[in-house]
Amino acid sequence: MLKTRVTSIGKNAGSKEDGLIILFDDSASDKLRDVSMIHEKLADFEQNYDLTVGQKVTFDEQEYEITYVGPLVESNLMSIGHTIFDFHEVPTDPRPNSIYLRPHGEPDVHVGTVITFGK
């Protein structure tokens, strides 16, 4: 299981209508910080963890099911803390750095929200 905590939210990080949450760790540039949520790994963050379709992702107590994991997600998440949560149907050509989730519609996220991957 992977656990992180949101530490800041960029002023242009999007709205619930966008259906996207962009995550980076503290190494993100100022431009990326402006459009992203910055998060930190928590103590029980596993370095080698496989995310798979059907597993859950929670934002505090709000639970979502993984419907697609892009081929770049795990390496990006481990190296620069990056992924994109996409709350839409998986398209014909999904983004390789995204985790697609359902139900559709973004969760309520704030500074301090704990994100648990692979529950």
N, C-alpha and C. Protein backbone atom coordinates (compact mmCIF):
# COMPACT_ATOMS: atom_id res chain seq x y z
N MET A 1 0.84 -1.18 0.00
CA MET A 1 0.00 0.00 0.00
C MET A 1 0.89 1.24 0.00
N LEU A 2 0.45 2.25 -0.69
CA LEU A 2 1.17 3.52 -0.76
C LEU A 2 0.32 4.58 -0.09
N LYS A 3 0.94 5.37 0.78
CA LYS A 3 0.20 6.46 1.44
C LYS A 3 0.97 7.76 1.30
N THR A 4 0.24 8.82 0.94
CA THR A 4 0.82 10.15 0.85
C THR A 4 -0.13 11.15 1.48
N ARG A 5 0.40 12.34 1.76
CA ARG A 5 -0.41 13.43 2.32
C ARG A 5 -0.23 14.67 1.44
N VAL A 6 -1.35 15.32 1.10
CA VAL A 6 -1.31 16.55 0.32
C VAL A 6 -0.75 17.66 1.21
N THR A 7 0.31 18.34 0.71
CA THR A 7 0.94 19.41 1.48
C THR A 7 0.65 20.80 0.94
N SER A 8 0.29 20.89 -0.34
CA SER A 8 -0.12 22.19 -0.91
C SER A 8 -0.92 21.95 -2.18
N ILE A 9 -1.72 22.95 -2.51
CA ILE A 9 -2.56 22.88 -3.71
C ILE A 9 -2.32 24.16 -4.50
N GLY A 10 -1.89 24.01 -5.75
CA GLY A 10 -1.60 25.16 -6.60
C GLY A 10 -2.84 26.00 -6.88
N LYS A 11 -2.62 27.30 -7.08
CA LYS A 11 -3.76 28.21 -7.28
C LYS A 11 -4.51 27.91 -8.58
N ASN A 12 -3.87 27.25 -9.53
CA ASN A 12 -4.52 26.87 -10.79
C ASN A 12 -4.59 25.35 -10.94
N ALA A 13 -4.75 24.67 -9.81
CA ALA A 13 -4.75 23.20 -9.82
C ALA A 13 -6.02 22.62 -10.43
N GLY A 14 -6.93 23.43 -10.85
CA GLY A 14 -8.14 22.93 -11.49
C GLY A 14 -9.31 22.96 -10.54
N SER A 15 -10.44 22.57 -11.07
CA SER A 15 -11.66 22.55 -10.28
C SER A 15 -12.28 21.16 -10.37
N LYS A 16 -13.28 20.92 -9.56
CA LYS A 16 -13.95 19.62 -9.57
C LYS A 16 -14.53 19.29 -10.93
N GLU A 17 -14.86 20.30 -11.71
CA GLU A 17 -15.43 20.07 -13.04
C GLU A 17 -14.41 19.50 -14.02
N ASP A 18 -13.12 19.72 -13.77
CA ASP A 18 -12.07 19.24 -14.67
C ASP A 18 -11.98 17.71 -14.68
N GLY A 19 -12.23 17.11 -13.54
CA GLY A 19 -12.13 15.67 -13.45
C GLY A 19 -10.71 15.15 -13.44
N LEU A 20 -9.75 16.01 -13.08
CA LEU A 20 -8.34 15.63 -13.04
C LEU A 20 -7.69 16.15 -11.76
N ILE A 21 -6.81 15.36 -11.19
CA ILE A 21 -5.94 15.81 -10.11
C ILE A 21 -4.52 15.46 -10.53
N ILE A 22 -3.66 16.48 -10.60
CA ILE A 22 -2.26 16.28 -10.98
C ILE A 22 -1.43 16.30 -9.70
N LEU A 23 -0.66 15.25 -9.48
CA LEU A 23 0.18 15.13 -8.28
C LEU A 23 1.65 15.20 -8.64
N PHE A 24 2.41 15.88 -7.80
CA PHE A 24 3.87 15.87 -7.84
C PHE A 24 4.38 15.90 -6.41
N ASP A 25 5.62 15.46 -6.22
CA ASP A 25 6.23 15.61 -4.91
C ASP A 25 6.90 16.98 -4.82
N ASP A 26 7.65 17.20 -3.77
CA ASP A 26 8.24 18.51 -3.48
C ASP A 26 9.29 18.95 -4.49
N SER A 27 9.71 18.06 -5.38
CA SER A 27 10.72 18.43 -6.38
C SER A 27 10.13 19.19 -7.57
N ALA A 28 8.82 19.37 -7.62
CA ALA A 28 8.16 20.02 -8.75
C ALA A 28 8.62 21.48 -8.90
N SER A 29 8.73 21.92 -10.15
CA SER A 29 9.09 23.31 -10.43
C SER A 29 7.93 24.23 -10.02
N ASP A 30 8.20 25.53 -9.96
CA ASP A 30 7.16 26.49 -9.60
C ASP A 30 5.99 26.44 -10.58
N LYS A 31 6.28 26.28 -11.87
CA LYS A 31 5.21 26.20 -12.87
C LYS A 31 4.33 24.98 -12.63
N LEU A 32 4.93 23.85 -12.31
CA LEU A 32 4.15 22.65 -12.04
C LEU A 32 3.37 22.78 -10.74
N ARG A 33 3.97 23.40 -9.73
CA ARG A 33 3.29 23.60 -8.45
C ARG A 33 2.00 24.40 -8.63
N ASP A 34 2.02 25.32 -9.56
CA ASP A 34 0.87 26.19 -9.79
C ASP A 34 -0.36 25.40 -10.26
N VAL A 35 -0.16 24.30 -10.97
CA VAL A 35 -1.27 23.54 -11.54
C VAL A 35 -1.44 22.16 -10.89
N SER A 36 -0.72 21.91 -9.80
CA SER A 36 -0.68 20.58 -9.20
C SER A 36 -1.00 20.61 -7.72
N MET A 37 -1.20 19.40 -7.20
CA MET A 37 -1.22 19.18 -5.76
C MET A 37 0.12 18.55 -5.41
N ILE A 38 0.76 19.11 -4.41
CA ILE A 38 2.05 18.58 -3.95
C ILE A 38 1.76 17.65 -2.77
N HIS A 39 2.45 16.51 -2.76
CA HIS A 39 2.22 15.54 -1.69
C HIS A 39 3.55 14.99 -1.19
N GLU A 40 3.50 14.43 0.01
CA GLU A 40 4.68 13.81 0.61
C GLU A 40 4.37 12.36 0.94
N LYS A 41 5.37 11.51 0.79
CA LYS A 41 5.21 10.10 1.12
C LYS A 41 5.15 9.95 2.64
N LEU A 42 4.27 9.09 3.12
CA LEU A 42 4.18 8.80 4.54
C LEU A 42 5.03 7.58 4.87
N ALA A 43 5.24 7.35 6.15
CA ALA A 43 6.18 6.32 6.62
C ALA A 43 5.89 4.93 6.05
N ASP A 44 4.62 4.60 5.83
CA ASP A 44 4.30 3.26 5.35
C ASP A 44 4.19 3.20 3.82
N PHE A 45 4.88 4.10 3.13
CA PHE A 45 4.91 4.11 1.66
C PHE A 45 5.85 3.02 1.18
N GLU A 46 5.33 2.05 0.45
CA GLU A 46 6.14 0.94 -0.07
C GLU A 46 6.82 1.36 -1.36
N GLN A 47 8.12 1.15 -1.47
CA GLN A 47 8.87 1.57 -2.65
C GLN A 47 8.60 0.72 -3.88
N ASN A 48 8.28 -0.53 -3.71
CA ASN A 48 8.01 -1.42 -4.85
C ASN A 48 6.61 -2.00 -4.68
N TYR A 49 5.65 -1.31 -5.24
CA TYR A 49 4.27 -1.73 -5.08
C TYR A 49 3.58 -1.68 -6.43
N ASP A 50 2.89 -2.74 -6.79
CA ASP A 50 2.20 -2.80 -8.07
C ASP A 50 0.75 -2.36 -7.91
N LEU A 51 0.39 -1.30 -8.62
CA LEU A 51 -1.01 -0.87 -8.67
C LEU A 51 -1.69 -1.62 -9.79
N THR A 52 -2.90 -2.11 -9.53
CA THR A 52 -3.61 -2.88 -10.54
C THR A 52 -5.07 -2.47 -10.63
N VAL A 53 -5.65 -2.74 -11.78
CA VAL A 53 -7.07 -2.48 -12.00
C VAL A 53 -7.88 -3.25 -10.95
N GLY A 54 -8.88 -2.59 -10.40
CA GLY A 54 -9.73 -3.20 -9.39
C GLY A 54 -9.35 -2.82 -7.97
N GLN A 55 -8.10 -2.37 -7.76
CA GLN A 55 -7.72 -1.91 -6.43
C GLN A 55 -8.40 -0.57 -6.14
N LYS A 56 -8.33 -0.15 -4.89
CA LYS A 56 -8.97 1.08 -4.46
C LYS A 56 -7.93 2.18 -4.23
N VAL A 57 -8.37 3.41 -4.43
CA VAL A 57 -7.63 4.60 -4.03
C VAL A 57 -8.58 5.40 -3.16
N THR A 58 -8.10 5.82 -1.99
CA THR A 58 -8.95 6.64 -1.13
C THR A 58 -8.31 8.01 -0.91
N PHE A 59 -9.17 8.99 -0.82
CA PHE A 59 -8.81 10.36 -0.49
C PHE A 59 -9.50 10.60 0.84
N ASP A 60 -8.75 10.49 1.95
CA ASP A 60 -9.33 10.40 3.28
C ASP A 60 -10.31 9.22 3.26
N GLU A 61 -11.59 9.44 3.43
CA GLU A 61 -12.56 8.33 3.47
C GLU A 61 -13.31 8.14 2.15
N GLN A 62 -12.97 8.92 1.13
CA GLN A 62 -13.66 8.84 -0.16
C GLN A 62 -12.97 7.79 -1.03
N GLU A 63 -13.70 6.75 -1.41
CA GLU A 63 -13.10 5.60 -2.08
C GLU A 63 -13.43 5.56 -3.57
N TYR A 64 -12.41 5.21 -4.36
CA TYR A 64 -12.53 5.09 -5.81
C TYR A 64 -11.89 3.78 -6.24
N GLU A 65 -12.35 3.25 -7.37
CA GLU A 65 -11.79 2.02 -7.92
C GLU A 65 -10.92 2.34 -9.13
N ILE A 66 -9.75 1.70 -9.19
CA ILE A 66 -8.85 1.89 -10.33
C ILE A 66 -9.40 1.13 -11.54
N THR A 67 -9.54 1.86 -12.67
CA THR A 67 -10.01 1.24 -13.91
C THR A 67 -8.90 1.13 -14.95
N TYR A 68 -7.80 1.86 -14.74
CA TYR A 68 -6.65 1.79 -15.65
C TYR A 68 -5.44 2.38 -14.95
N VAL A 69 -4.28 1.74 -15.13
CA VAL A 69 -3.00 2.26 -14.63
C VAL A 69 -2.06 2.38 -15.81
N GLY A 70 -1.66 3.60 -16.15
CA GLY A 70 -0.75 3.82 -17.27
C GLY A 70 0.62 3.21 -17.02
N PRO A 71 1.34 2.86 -18.09
CA PRO A 71 2.64 2.20 -17.95
C PRO A 71 3.72 3.06 -17.31
N LEU A 72 3.55 4.37 -17.25
CA LEU A 72 4.55 5.24 -16.63
C LEU A 72 4.22 5.59 -15.17
N VAL A 73 3.06 5.20 -14.70
CA VAL A 73 2.61 5.62 -13.37
C VAL A 73 3.58 5.21 -12.27
N GLU A 74 3.92 3.95 -12.19
CA GLU A 74 4.73 3.49 -11.06
C GLU A 74 6.12 4.11 -11.04
N SER A 75 6.79 4.18 -12.19
CA SER A 75 8.13 4.78 -12.20
C SER A 75 8.06 6.27 -11.88
N ASN A 76 7.08 6.98 -12.43
CA ASN A 76 6.94 8.41 -12.13
C ASN A 76 6.59 8.64 -10.67
N LEU A 77 5.71 7.82 -10.13
CA LEU A 77 5.29 7.98 -8.74
C LEU A 77 6.47 7.77 -7.80
N MET A 78 7.30 6.78 -8.09
CA MET A 78 8.44 6.49 -7.22
C MET A 78 9.56 7.52 -7.37
N SER A 79 9.76 8.06 -8.57
CA SER A 79 10.89 8.96 -8.79
C SER A 79 10.58 10.43 -8.50
N ILE A 80 9.44 10.92 -8.98
CA ILE A 80 9.12 12.35 -8.80
C ILE A 80 7.74 12.57 -8.18
N GLY A 81 7.18 11.49 -7.65
CA GLY A 81 5.88 11.61 -6.99
C GLY A 81 4.76 12.04 -7.92
N HIS A 82 4.89 11.71 -9.21
CA HIS A 82 3.92 12.21 -10.18
C HIS A 82 2.96 11.16 -10.69
N THR A 83 1.71 11.55 -10.75
CA THR A 83 0.68 10.84 -11.51
C THR A 83 -0.46 11.82 -11.74
N ILE A 84 -1.37 11.43 -12.58
CA ILE A 84 -2.60 12.18 -12.79
C ILE A 84 -3.75 11.25 -12.45
N PHE A 85 -4.62 11.67 -11.54
CA PHE A 85 -5.85 10.95 -11.29
C PHE A 85 -6.87 11.49 -12.28
N ASP A 86 -7.47 10.59 -13.04
CA ASP A 86 -8.46 10.99 -14.04
C ASP A 86 -9.79 10.33 -13.68
N PHE A 87 -10.81 11.16 -13.49
CA PHE A 87 -12.12 10.70 -13.05
C PHE A 87 -13.11 10.64 -14.22
N HIS A 88 -12.64 10.14 -15.36
CA HIS A 88 -13.45 9.97 -16.57
C HIS A 88 -13.37 8.51 -17.01
N GLU A 89 -14.20 8.15 -18.00
CA GLU A 89 -14.08 6.83 -18.62
C GLU A 89 -12.69 6.71 -19.25
N VAL A 90 -12.16 5.50 -19.27
CA VAL A 90 -10.86 5.27 -19.91
C VAL A 90 -11.05 5.43 -21.43
N PRO A 91 -10.31 6.36 -22.05
CA PRO A 91 -10.47 6.56 -23.49
C PRO A 91 -9.75 5.48 -24.30
N THR A 92 -9.92 5.52 -25.59
CA THR A 92 -9.25 4.59 -26.49
C THR A 92 -7.73 4.70 -26.37
N ASP A 93 -7.24 5.92 -26.18
CA ASP A 93 -5.80 6.18 -26.07
C ASP A 93 -5.52 6.87 -24.73
N PRO A 94 -5.50 6.11 -23.62
CA PRO A 94 -5.32 6.73 -22.30
C PRO A 94 -3.91 7.29 -22.11
N ARG A 95 -3.81 8.31 -21.26
CA ARG A 95 -2.51 8.90 -20.95
C ARG A 95 -1.65 7.88 -20.19
N PRO A 96 -0.38 7.74 -20.55
CA PRO A 96 0.48 6.73 -19.91
C PRO A 96 0.89 7.07 -18.48
N ASN A 97 0.65 8.31 -18.06
CA ASN A 97 1.03 8.72 -16.70
C ASN A 97 -0.19 8.89 -15.80
N SER A 98 -1.31 8.29 -16.17
CA SER A 98 -2.56 8.49 -15.43
C SER A 98 -3.09 7.23 -14.79
N ILE A 99 -3.80 7.45 -13.68
CA ILE A 99 -4.60 6.42 -13.03
C ILE A 99 -6.05 6.85 -13.23
N TYR A 100 -6.82 6.04 -13.94
CA TYR A 100 -8.24 6.34 -14.16
C TYR A 100 -9.04 5.70 -13.04
N LEU A 101 -10.02 6.46 -12.53
CA LEU A 101 -10.78 6.04 -11.36
C LEU A 101 -12.28 6.17 -11.59
N ARG A 102 -13.04 5.35 -10.87
CA ARG A 102 -14.49 5.53 -10.81
C ARG A 102 -14.92 5.35 -9.37
N PRO A 103 -15.98 5.97 -8.91
CA PRO A 103 -16.96 6.71 -9.71
C PRO A 103 -16.35 7.99 -10.28
N HIS A 104 -17.02 8.52 -11.26
CA HIS A 104 -16.55 9.72 -11.94
C HIS A 104 -16.96 10.93 -11.10
N GLY A 105 -16.09 11.91 -11.06
CA GLY A 105 -16.30 13.08 -10.21
C GLY A 105 -15.23 13.12 -9.14
N GLU A 106 -14.59 14.26 -9.02
CA GLU A 106 -13.46 14.40 -8.09
C GLU A 106 -13.89 14.38 -6.63
N PRO A 107 -13.01 13.87 -5.78
CA PRO A 107 -13.25 13.92 -4.34
C PRO A 107 -12.95 15.31 -3.79
N ASP A 108 -13.36 15.53 -2.56
CA ASP A 108 -12.97 16.75 -1.85
C ASP A 108 -11.56 16.53 -1.34
N VAL A 109 -10.64 17.38 -1.77
CA VAL A 109 -9.24 17.27 -1.38
C VAL A 109 -8.79 18.61 -0.83
N HIS A 110 -8.02 18.58 0.25
CA HIS A 110 -7.51 19.79 0.88
C HIS A 110 -6.11 19.49 1.41
N VAL A 111 -5.41 20.51 1.83
CA VAL A 111 -4.11 20.29 2.46
C VAL A 111 -4.34 19.40 3.69
N GLY A 112 -3.59 18.33 3.76
CA GLY A 112 -3.75 17.36 4.84
C GLY A 112 -4.47 16.09 4.43
N THR A 113 -5.13 16.09 3.27
CA THR A 113 -5.80 14.88 2.79
C THR A 113 -4.78 13.76 2.63
N VAL A 114 -5.11 12.58 3.14
CA VAL A 114 -4.27 11.40 2.98
C VAL A 114 -4.80 10.59 1.79
N ILE A 115 -3.90 10.31 0.86
CA ILE A 115 -4.24 9.51 -0.32
C ILE A 115 -3.63 8.12 -0.12
N THR A 116 -4.46 7.09 -0.20
CA THR A 116 -4.00 5.72 -0.05
C THR A 116 -4.21 5.00 -1.38
N PHE A 117 -3.12 4.51 -1.93
CA PHE A 117 -3.14 3.80 -3.21
C PHE A 117 -3.16 2.30 -2.95
N GLY A 118 -4.02 1.56 -3.65
CA GLY A 118 -3.97 0.11 -3.60
C GLY A 118 -4.54 -0.50 -2.35
N LYS A 119 -5.57 0.07 -1.85
CA LYS A 119 -6.20 -0.42 -0.63
C LYS A 119 -6.94 -1.71 -0.89
